[in-house]
């Protein structure tokens, strides 16, 4: 199976710097290199986005990402309480 590259947007890099569980989040994001769509309840494809947007649940944080070819683009790393507001902003800008 092909190995995927991971790219962070500027927003995601800033979010990650501010996260309290930074090392655990980085480790879990690294797992997306092997399989960006692992089975289980921690991954969800969000509706009404083209190209598709996925949510990875990591404790109190949510990672929003897209898969483009062999590159996983991390859009945001946010606290779960900010998820709905962030999704609305992404939807408006898309």
PDB file of N, CA and C in Angstrom:
ATOM      1  N   UNK A   1       0.841  -1.182   0.000  1.00  0.00           N
ATOM      2  CA  UNK A   1       0.000   0.000   0.000  1.00  0.00           C
ATOM      3  C   UNK A   1       0.885   1.243   0.000  1.00  0.00           C
ATOM      4  N   UNK A   2       0.471   2.254  -0.718  1.00  0.00           N
ATOM      5  CA  UNK A   2       1.242   3.494  -0.817  1.00  0.00           C
ATOM      6  C   UNK A   2       1.216   4.257   0.504  1.00  0.00           C
ATOM      7  N   UNK A   3       2.300   4.936   0.785  1.00  0.00           N
ATOM      8  CA  UNK A   3       2.389   5.754   1.997  1.00  0.00           C
ATOM      9  C   UNK A   3       1.969   7.179   1.639  1.00  0.00           C
ATOM     10  N   UNK A   4       1.144   7.777   2.468  1.00  0.00           N
ATOM     11  CA  UNK A   4       0.632   9.118   2.235  1.00  0.00           C
ATOM     12  C   UNK A   4       1.531  10.144   2.914  1.00  0.00           C
ATOM     13  N   UNK A   5       1.626  11.318   2.309  1.00  0.00           N
ATOM     14  CA  UNK A   5       2.314  12.435   2.944  1.00  0.00           C
ATOM     15  C   UNK A   5       1.302  13.255   3.722  1.00  0.00           C
ATOM     16  N   UNK A   6       1.766  13.946   4.744  1.00  0.00           N
ATOM     17  CA  UNK A   6       0.888  14.792   5.557  1.00  0.00           C
ATOM     18  C   UNK A   6       1.358  16.231   5.452  1.00  0.00           C
ATOM     19  N   UNK A   7       0.419  17.123   5.153  1.00  0.00           N
ATOM     20  CA  UNK A   7       0.719  18.551   5.034  1.00  0.00           C
ATOM     21  C   UNK A   7      -0.213  19.306   5.956  1.00  0.00           C
ATOM     22  N   UNK A   8       0.329  20.267   6.691  1.00  0.00           N
ATOM     23  CA  UNK A   8      -0.483  21.092   7.584  1.00  0.00           C
ATOM     24  C   UNK A   8      -0.665  22.473   6.965  1.00  0.00           C
ATOM     25  N   UNK A   9      -1.889  22.998   7.039  1.00  0.00           N
ATOM     26  CA  UNK A   9      -2.104  24.378   6.633  1.00  0.00           C
ATOM     27  C   UNK A   9      -1.541  25.282   7.730  1.00  0.00           C
ATOM     28  N   UNK A  10      -1.415  26.569   7.439  1.00  0.00           N
ATOM     29  CA  UNK A  10      -0.933  27.511   8.451  1.00  0.00           C
ATOM     30  C   UNK A  10      -1.863  27.534   9.659  1.00  0.00           C
ATOM     31  N   UNK A  11      -3.158  27.460   9.414  1.00  0.00           N
ATOM     32  CA  UNK A  11      -4.136  27.445  10.505  1.00  0.00           C
ATOM     33  C   UNK A  11      -3.944  26.213  11.383  1.00  0.00           C
ATOM     34  N   UNK A  12      -3.731  25.066  10.752  1.00  0.00           N
ATOM     35  CA  UNK A  12      -3.550  23.829  11.510  1.00  0.00           C
ATOM     36  C   UNK A  12      -2.254  23.861  12.319  1.00  0.00           C
ATOM     37  N   UNK A  13      -1.201  24.419  11.746  1.00  0.00           N
ATOM     38  CA  UNK A  13       0.073  24.516  12.472  1.00  0.00           C
ATOM     39  C   UNK A  13      -0.082  25.411  13.700  1.00  0.00           C
ATOM     40  N   UNK A  14      -0.792  26.516  13.555  1.00  0.00           N
ATOM     41  CA  UNK A  14      -1.048  27.400  14.692  1.00  0.00           C
ATOM     42  C   UNK A  14      -1.909  26.730  15.749  1.00  0.00           C
ATOM     43  N   UNK A  15      -2.916  25.992  15.290  1.00  0.00           N
ATOM     44  CA  UNK A  15      -3.781  25.255  16.216  1.00  0.00           C
ATOM     45  C   UNK A  15      -2.973  24.223  16.999  1.00  0.00           C
ATOM     46  N   UNK A  16      -2.089  23.541  16.296  1.00  0.00           N
ATOM     47  CA  UNK A  16      -1.293  22.492  16.922  1.00  0.00           C
ATOM     48  C   UNK A  16      -0.335  23.064  17.960  1.00  0.00           C
ATOM     49  N   UNK A  17       0.226  24.219  17.671  1.00  0.00           N
ATOM     50  CA  UNK A  17       1.129  24.863  18.632  1.00  0.00           C
ATOM     51  C   UNK A  17       0.399  25.195  19.934  1.00  0.00           C
ATOM     52  N   UNK A  18      -0.877  25.537  19.837  1.00  0.00           N
ATOM     53  CA  UNK A  18      -1.655  25.933  21.014  1.00  0.00           C
ATOM     54  C   UNK A  18      -2.266  24.740  21.756  1.00  0.00           C
ATOM     55  N   UNK A  19      -2.250  23.551  21.149  1.00  0.00           N
ATOM     56  CA  UNK A  19      -2.886  22.378  21.752  1.00  0.00           C
ATOM     57  C   UNK A  19      -2.103  21.880  22.963  1.00  0.00           C
ATOM     58  N   UNK A  20      -2.826  21.441  23.971  1.00  0.00           N
ATOM     59  CA  UNK A  20      -2.187  20.924  25.178  1.00  0.00           C
ATOM     60  C   UNK A  20      -1.618  19.525  24.971  1.00  0.00           C
ATOM     61  N   UNK A  21      -2.277  18.692  24.217  1.00  0.00           N
ATOM     62  CA  UNK A  21      -1.844  17.314  23.965  1.00  0.00           C
ATOM     63  C   UNK A  21      -1.085  17.210  22.651  1.00  0.00           C
ATOM     64  N   UNK A  22      -0.209  18.142  22.408  1.00  0.00           N
ATOM     65  CA  UNK A  22       0.478  18.288  21.122  1.00  0.00           C
ATOM     66  C   UNK A  22       1.176  17.004  20.658  1.00  0.00           C
ATOM     67  N   UNK A  23       1.938  16.358  21.525  1.00  0.00           N
ATOM     68  CA  UNK A  23       2.696  15.178  21.119  1.00  0.00           C
ATOM     69  C   UNK A  23       1.771  14.008  20.760  1.00  0.00           C
ATOM     70  N   UNK A  24       0.696  13.829  21.498  1.00  0.00           N
ATOM     71  CA  UNK A  24      -0.246  12.756  21.198  1.00  0.00           C
ATOM     72  C   UNK A  24      -0.960  13.031  19.869  1.00  0.00           C
ATOM     73  N   UNK A  25      -1.313  14.275  19.629  1.00  0.00           N
ATOM     74  CA  UNK A  25      -1.985  14.642  18.374  1.00  0.00           C
ATOM     75  C   UNK A  25      -1.052  14.407  17.196  1.00  0.00           C
ATOM     76  N   UNK A  26       0.215  14.802  17.333  1.00  0.00           N
ATOM     77  CA  UNK A  26       1.195  14.593  16.257  1.00  0.00           C
ATOM     78  C   UNK A  26       1.344  13.103  15.971  1.00  0.00           C
ATOM     79  N   UNK A  27       1.389  12.299  17.007  1.00  0.00           N
ATOM     80  CA  UNK A  27       1.500  10.850  16.838  1.00  0.00           C
ATOM     81  C   UNK A  27       0.299  10.290  16.082  1.00  0.00           C
ATOM     82  N   UNK A  28      -0.890  10.726  16.455  1.00  0.00           N
ATOM     83  CA  UNK A  28      -2.104  10.228  15.801  1.00  0.00           C
ATOM     84  C   UNK A  28      -2.206  10.716  14.358  1.00  0.00           C
ATOM     85  N   UNK A  29      -1.781  11.940  14.097  1.00  0.00           N
ATOM     86  CA  UNK A  29      -1.773  12.454  12.724  1.00  0.00           C
ATOM     87  C   UNK A  29      -0.779  11.655  11.890  1.00  0.00           C
ATOM     88  N   UNK A  30       0.343  11.276  12.489  1.00  0.00           N
ATOM     89  CA  UNK A  30       1.327  10.453  11.785  1.00  0.00           C
ATOM     90  C   UNK A  30       0.751   9.118  11.346  1.00  0.00           C
ATOM     91  N   UNK A  31      -0.215   8.602  12.084  1.00  0.00           N
ATOM     92  CA  UNK A  31      -0.865   7.352  11.703  1.00  0.00           C
ATOM     93  C   UNK A  31      -1.654   7.474  10.410  1.00  0.00           C
ATOM     94  N   UNK A  32      -2.019   8.687  10.032  1.00  0.00           N
ATOM     95  CA  UNK A  32      -2.741   8.898   8.774  1.00  0.00           C
ATOM     96  C   UNK A  32      -1.854   8.631   7.566  1.00  0.00           C
ATOM     97  N   UNK A  33      -0.529   8.625   7.761  1.00  0.00           N
ATOM     98  CA  UNK A  33       0.397   8.328   6.653  1.00  0.00           C
ATOM     99  C   UNK A  33       0.189   6.914   6.130  1.00  0.00           C
ATOM    100  N   UNK A  34      -0.062   5.990   7.037  1.00  0.00           N
ATOM    101  CA  UNK A  34      -0.253   4.598   6.639  1.00  0.00           C
ATOM    102  C   UNK A  34      -1.656   4.332   6.110  1.00  0.00           C
ATOM    103  N   UNK A  35      -2.645   4.930   6.749  1.00  0.00           N
ATOM    104  CA  UNK A  35      -4.028   4.715   6.344  1.00  0.00           C
ATOM    105  C   UNK A  35      -4.850   5.941   6.722  1.00  0.00           C
ATOM    106  N   UNK A  36      -5.174   6.814   5.756  1.00  0.00           N
ATOM    107  CA  UNK A  36      -5.928   8.024   6.078  1.00  0.00           C
ATOM    108  C   UNK A  36      -7.402   7.776   6.393  1.00  0.00           C
ATOM    109  N   UNK A  37      -7.884   6.568   6.135  1.00  0.00           N
ATOM    110  CA  UNK A  37      -9.277   6.234   6.431  1.00  0.00           C
ATOM    111  C   UNK A  37      -9.339   4.945   7.251  1.00  0.00           C
ATOM    112  N   UNK A  38      -8.789   4.967   8.477  1.00  0.00           N
ATOM    113  CA  UNK A  38      -8.842   3.753   9.290  1.00  0.00           C
ATOM    114  C   UNK A  38     -10.276   3.437   9.694  1.00  0.00           C
ATOM    115  N   UNK A  39     -10.529   2.163   9.904  1.00  0.00           N
ATOM    116  CA  UNK A  39     -11.868   1.776  10.336  1.00  0.00           C
ATOM    117  C   UNK A  39     -12.024   2.086  11.813  1.00  0.00           C
ATOM    118  N   UNK A  40     -13.219   2.360  12.208  1.00  0.00           N
ATOM    119  CA  UNK A  40     -13.492   2.662  13.609  1.00  0.00           C
ATOM    120  C   UNK A  40     -14.378   3.875  13.742  1.00  0.00           C
ATOM    121  N   UNK A  41     -14.671   4.214  14.965  1.00  0.00           N
ATOM    122  CA  UNK A  41     -15.613   5.293  15.228  1.00  0.00           C
ATOM    123  C   UNK A  41     -14.946   6.659  15.342  1.00  0.00           C
ATOM    124  N   UNK A  42     -13.629   6.728  15.275  1.00  0.00           N
ATOM    125  CA  UNK A  42     -12.942   8.010  15.433  1.00  0.00           C
ATOM    126  C   UNK A  42     -12.858   8.815  14.142  1.00  0.00           C
ATOM    127  N   UNK A  43     -13.219   8.225  13.014  1.00  0.00           N
ATOM    128  CA  UNK A  43     -13.183   8.916  11.718  1.00  0.00           C
ATOM    129  C   UNK A  43     -14.612   9.095  11.226  1.00  0.00           C
ATOM    130  N   UNK A  44     -14.898  10.291  10.720  1.00  0.00           N
ATOM    131  CA  UNK A  44     -16.229  10.551  10.169  1.00  0.00           C
ATOM    132  C   UNK A  44     -16.073  11.420   8.930  1.00  0.00           C
ATOM    133  N   UNK A  45     -16.758  11.044   7.856  1.00  0.00           N
ATOM    134  CA  UNK A  45     -16.797  11.861   6.653  1.00  0.00           C
ATOM    135  C   UNK A  45     -17.901  12.888   6.852  1.00  0.00           C
ATOM    136  N   UNK A  46     -17.550  14.161   6.738  1.00  0.00           N
ATOM    137  CA  UNK A  46     -18.533  15.222   6.952  1.00  0.00           C
ATOM    138  C   UNK A  46     -19.352  15.434   5.688  1.00  0.00           C
ATOM    139  N   UNK A  47     -20.619  15.699   5.855  1.00  0.00           N
ATOM    140  CA  UNK A  47     -21.535  15.849   4.730  1.00  0.00           C
ATOM    141  C   UNK A  47     -21.405  17.231   4.089  1.00  0.00           C
ATOM    142  N   UNK A  48     -21.777  17.298   2.815  1.00  0.00           N
ATOM    143  CA  UNK A  48     -21.896  18.549   2.054  1.00  0.00           C
ATOM    144  C   UNK A  48     -20.567  19.235   1.786  1.00  0.00           C
ATOM    145  N   UNK A  49     -19.482  18.477   1.690  1.00  0.00           N
ATOM    146  CA  UNK A  49     -18.192  19.053   1.319  1.00  0.00           C
ATOM    147  C   UNK A  49     -17.684  18.366   0.065  1.00  0.00           C
ATOM    148  N   UNK A  50     -17.235  19.165  -0.877  1.00  0.00           N
ATOM    149  CA  UNK A  50     -16.645  18.638  -2.098  1.00  0.00           C
ATOM    150  C   UNK A  50     -15.398  19.446  -2.408  1.00  0.00           C
ATOM    151  N   UNK A  51     -14.197  18.916  -2.308  1.00  0.00           N
ATOM    152  CA  UNK A  51     -13.835  17.536  -2.009  1.00  0.00           C
ATOM    153  C   UNK A  51     -14.171  17.181  -0.572  1.00  0.00           C
ATOM    154  N   UNK A  52     -14.283  15.868  -0.292  1.00  0.00           N
ATOM    155  CA  UNK A  52     -14.699  15.424   1.043  1.00  0.00           C
ATOM    156  C   UNK A  52     -13.795  15.938   2.163  1.00  0.00           C
ATOM    157  N   UNK A  53     -14.389  16.189   3.291  1.00  0.00           N
ATOM    158  CA  UNK A  53     -13.685  16.628   4.495  1.00  0.00           C
ATOM    159  C   UNK A  53     -13.952  15.578   5.569  1.00  0.00           C
ATOM    160  N   UNK A  54     -12.897  15.192   6.279  1.00  0.00           N
ATOM    161  CA  UNK A  54     -13.000  14.159   7.299  1.00  0.00           C
ATOM    162  C   UNK A  54     -12.682  14.738   8.668  1.00  0.00           C
ATOM    163  N   UNK A  55     -13.258  14.119   9.702  1.00  0.00           N
ATOM    164  CA  UNK A  55     -13.005  14.527  11.074  1.00  0.00           C
ATOM    165  C   UNK A  55     -12.411  13.342  11.820  1.00  0.00           C
ATOM    166  N   UNK A  56     -11.266  13.571  12.456  1.00  0.00           N
ATOM    167  CA  UNK A  56     -10.630  12.576  13.305  1.00  0.00           C
ATOM    168  C   UNK A  56     -10.811  13.018  14.749  1.00  0.00           C
ATOM    169  N   UNK A  57     -11.381  12.178  15.573  1.00  0.00           N
ATOM    170  CA  UNK A  57     -11.640  12.496  16.970  1.00  0.00           C
ATOM    171  C   UNK A  57     -10.470  12.013  17.821  1.00  0.00           C
ATOM    172  N   UNK A  58      -9.841  12.950  18.547  1.00  0.00           N
ATOM    173  CA  UNK A  58      -8.697  12.638  19.408  1.00  0.00           C
ATOM    174  C   UNK A  58      -8.930  13.261  20.782  1.00  0.00           C
ATOM    175  N   UNK A  59      -9.584  12.558  21.677  1.00  0.00           N
ATOM    176  CA  UNK A  59      -9.867  13.094  23.004  1.00  0.00           C
ATOM    177  C   UNK A  59     -10.737  14.332  22.907  1.00  0.00           C
ATOM    178  N   UNK A  60     -10.247  15.459  23.419  1.00  0.00           N
ATOM    179  CA  UNK A  60     -10.997  16.716  23.361  1.00  0.00           C
ATOM    180  C   UNK A  60     -10.721  17.506  22.092  1.00  0.00           C
ATOM    181  N   UNK A  61      -9.915  16.966  21.180  1.00  0.00           N
ATOM    182  CA  UNK A  61      -9.574  17.666  19.946  1.00  0.00           C
ATOM    183  C   UNK A  61     -10.163  16.966  18.736  1.00  0.00           C
ATOM    184  N   UNK A  62     -10.364  17.754  17.698  1.00  0.00           N
ATOM    185  CA  UNK A  62     -10.847  17.235  16.427  1.00  0.00           C
ATOM    186  C   UNK A  62      -9.893  17.706  15.336  1.00  0.00           C
ATOM    187  N   UNK A  63      -9.510  16.790  14.467  1.00  0.00           N
ATOM    188  CA  UNK A  63      -8.633  17.102  13.343  1.00  0.00           C
ATOM    189  C   UNK A  63      -9.481  17.040  12.084  1.00  0.00           C
ATOM    190  N   UNK A  64      -9.550  18.148  11.353  1.00  0.00           N
ATOM    191  CA  UNK A  64     -10.286  18.199  10.093  1.00  0.00           C
ATOM    192  C   UNK A  64      -9.269  18.082   8.973  1.00  0.00           C
ATOM    193  N   UNK A  65      -9.487  17.136   8.057  1.00  0.00           N
ATOM    194  CA  UNK A  65      -8.512  16.925   6.992  1.00  0.00           C
ATOM    195  C   UNK A  65      -9.173  16.493   5.692  1.00  0.00           C
ATOM    196  N   UNK A  66      -8.401  16.664   4.604  1.00  0.00           N
ATOM    197  CA  UNK A  66      -8.812  16.240   3.266  1.00  0.00           C
ATOM    198  C   UNK A  66      -7.747  15.312   2.705  1.00  0.00           C
ATOM    199  N   UNK A  67      -8.176  14.439   1.809  1.00  0.00           N
ATOM    200  CA  UNK A  67      -7.248  13.551   1.133  1.00  0.00           C
ATOM    201  C   UNK A  67      -7.219  13.972  -0.328  1.00  0.00           C
ATOM    202  N   UNK A  68      -6.030  14.342  -0.804  1.00  0.00           N
ATOM    203  CA  UNK A  68      -5.859  14.794  -2.188  1.00  0.00           C
ATOM    204  C   UNK A  68      -4.742  13.976  -2.808  1.00  0.00           C
ATOM    205  N   UNK A  69      -5.116  12.951  -3.570  1.00  0.00           N
ATOM    206  CA  UNK A  69      -4.115  12.054  -4.132  1.00  0.00           C
ATOM    207  C   UNK A  69      -3.433  11.278  -3.015  1.00  0.00           C
ATOM    208  N   UNK A  70      -2.108  11.407  -2.926  1.00  0.00           N
ATOM    209  CA  UNK A  70      -1.353  10.734  -1.869  1.00  0.00           C
ATOM    210  C   UNK A  70      -0.928  11.703  -0.776  1.00  0.00           C
ATOM    211  N   UNK A  71      -1.683  12.810  -0.633  1.00  0.00           N
ATOM    212  CA  UNK A  71      -1.381  13.806   0.386  1.00  0.00           C
ATOM    213  C   UNK A  71      -2.601  14.009   1.282  1.00  0.00           C
ATOM    214  N   UNK A  72      -2.376  13.928   2.585  1.00  0.00           N
ATOM    215  CA  UNK A  72      -3.416  14.225   3.568  1.00  0.00           C
ATOM    216  C   UNK A  72      -3.158  15.650   4.039  1.00  0.00           C
ATOM    217  N   UNK A  73      -4.099  16.548   3.775  1.00  0.00           N
ATOM    218  CA  UNK A  73      -3.965  17.947   4.166  1.00  0.00           C
ATOM    219  C   UNK A  73      -4.757  18.187   5.441  1.00  0.00           C
ATOM    220  N   UNK A  74      -4.039  18.518   6.515  1.00  0.00           N
ATOM    221  CA  UNK A  74      -4.675  18.807   7.798  1.00  0.00           C
ATOM    222  C   UNK A  74      -5.145  20.258   7.740  1.00  0.00           C
ATOM    223  N   UNK A  75      -6.449  20.453   7.797  1.00  0.00           N
ATOM    224  CA  UNK A  75      -7.032  21.789   7.686  1.00  0.00           C
ATOM    225  C   UNK A  75      -7.023  22.520   9.030  1.00  0.00           C
ATOM    226  N   UNK A  76      -7.470  21.840  10.096  1.00  0.00           N
ATOM    227  CA  UNK A  76      -7.553  22.451  11.421  1.00  0.00           C
ATOM    228  C   UNK A  76      -7.370  21.384  12.493  1.00  0.00           C
ATOM    229  N   UNK A  77      -6.858  21.791  13.638  1.00  0.00           N
ATOM    230  CA  UNK A  77      -6.773  20.965  14.848  1.00  0.00           C
ATOM    231  C   UNK A  77      -7.424  21.815  15.934  1.00  0.00           C
ATOM    232  N   UNK A  78      -8.653  21.455  16.314  1.00  0.00           N
ATOM    233  CA  UNK A  78      -9.429  22.339  17.177  1.00  0.00           C
ATOM    234  C   UNK A  78     -10.008  21.602  18.369  1.00  0.00           C
ATOM    235  N   UNK A  79     -10.359  22.368  19.387  1.00  0.00           N
ATOM    236  CA  UNK A  79     -11.057  21.828  20.539  1.00  0.00           C
ATOM    237  C   UNK A  79     -12.457  21.409  20.097  1.00  0.00           C
ATOM    238  N   UNK A  80     -12.963  20.363  20.681  1.00  0.00           N
ATOM    239  CA  UNK A  80     -14.271  19.839  20.265  1.00  0.00           C
ATOM    240  C   UNK A  80     -15.385  20.865  20.405  1.00  0.00           C
ATOM    241  N   UNK A  81     -15.229  21.813  21.332  1.00  0.00           N
ATOM    242  CA  UNK A  81     -16.257  22.828  21.550  1.00  0.00           C
ATOM    243  C   UNK A  81     -16.343  23.821  20.393  1.00  0.00           C
ATOM    244  N   UNK A  82     -15.295  23.929  19.617  1.00  0.00           N
ATOM    245  CA  UNK A  82     -15.248  24.876  18.502  1.00  0.00           C
ATOM    246  C   UNK A  82     -15.597  24.233  17.157  1.00  0.00           C
ATOM    247  N   UNK A  83     -15.921  22.945  17.156  1.00  0.00           N
ATOM    248  CA  UNK A  83     -16.110  22.209  15.907  1.00  0.00           C
ATOM    249  C   UNK A  83     -17.193  22.805  15.008  1.00  0.00           C
ATOM    250  N   UNK A  84     -18.370  23.033  15.538  1.00  0.00           N
ATOM    251  CA  UNK A  84     -19.478  23.516  14.708  1.00  0.00           C
ATOM    252  C   UNK A  84     -19.179  24.878  14.084  1.00  0.00           C
ATOM    253  N   UNK A  85     -18.633  25.808  14.867  1.00  0.00           N
ATOM    254  CA  UNK A  85     -18.301  27.140  14.329  1.00  0.00           C
ATOM    255  C   UNK A  85     -17.254  27.031  13.223  1.00  0.00           C
ATOM    256  N   UNK A  86     -16.270  26.173  13.421  1.00  0.00           N
ATOM    257  CA  UNK A  86     -15.198  26.022  12.447  1.00  0.00           C
ATOM    258  C   UNK A  86     -15.716  25.400  11.155  1.00  0.00           C
ATOM    259  N   UNK A  87     -16.577  24.405  11.273  1.00  0.00           N
ATOM    260  CA  UNK A  87     -17.148  23.770  10.087  1.00  0.00           C
ATOM    261  C   UNK A  87     -17.974  24.778   9.291  1.00  0.00           C
ATOM    262  N   UNK A  88     -18.731  25.620   9.965  1.00  0.00           N
ATOM    263  CA  UNK A  88     -19.516  26.644   9.268  1.00  0.00           C
ATOM    264  C   UNK A  88     -18.606  27.601   8.512  1.00  0.00           C
ATOM    265  N   UNK A  89     -17.482  27.997   9.135  1.00  0.00           N
ATOM    266  CA  UNK A  89     -16.534  28.887   8.460  1.00  0.00           C
ATOM    267  C   UNK A  89     -15.906  28.232   7.247  1.00  0.00           C
ATOM    268  N   UNK A  90     -15.559  26.964   7.360  1.00  0.00           N
ATOM    269  CA  UNK A  90     -14.969  26.228   6.229  1.00  0.00           C
ATOM    270  C   UNK A  90     -15.990  26.101   5.109  1.00  0.00           C
ATOM    271  N   UNK A  91     -17.226  25.818   5.460  1.00  0.00           N
ATOM    272  CA  UNK A  91     -18.284  25.665   4.464  1.00  0.00           C
ATOM    273  C   UNK A  91     -18.493  26.974   3.688  1.00  0.00           C
ATOM    274  N   UNK A  92     -18.430  28.114   4.382  1.00  0.00           N
ATOM    275  CA  UNK A  92     -18.606  29.410   3.716  1.00  0.00           C
ATOM    276  C   UNK A  92     -17.448  29.718   2.773  1.00  0.00           C
ATOM    277  N   UNK A  93     -16.223  29.338   3.164  1.00  0.00           N
ATOM    278  CA  UNK A  93     -15.052  29.660   2.354  1.00  0.00           C
ATOM    279  C   UNK A  93     -14.866  28.689   1.176  1.00  0.00           C
ATOM    280  N   UNK A  94     -15.545  27.539   1.205  1.00  0.00           N
ATOM    281  CA  UNK A  94     -15.371  26.536   0.127  1.00  0.00           C
ATOM    282  C   UNK A  94     -16.168  26.892  -1.093  1.00  0.00           C
TER     283      UNK A  94
END
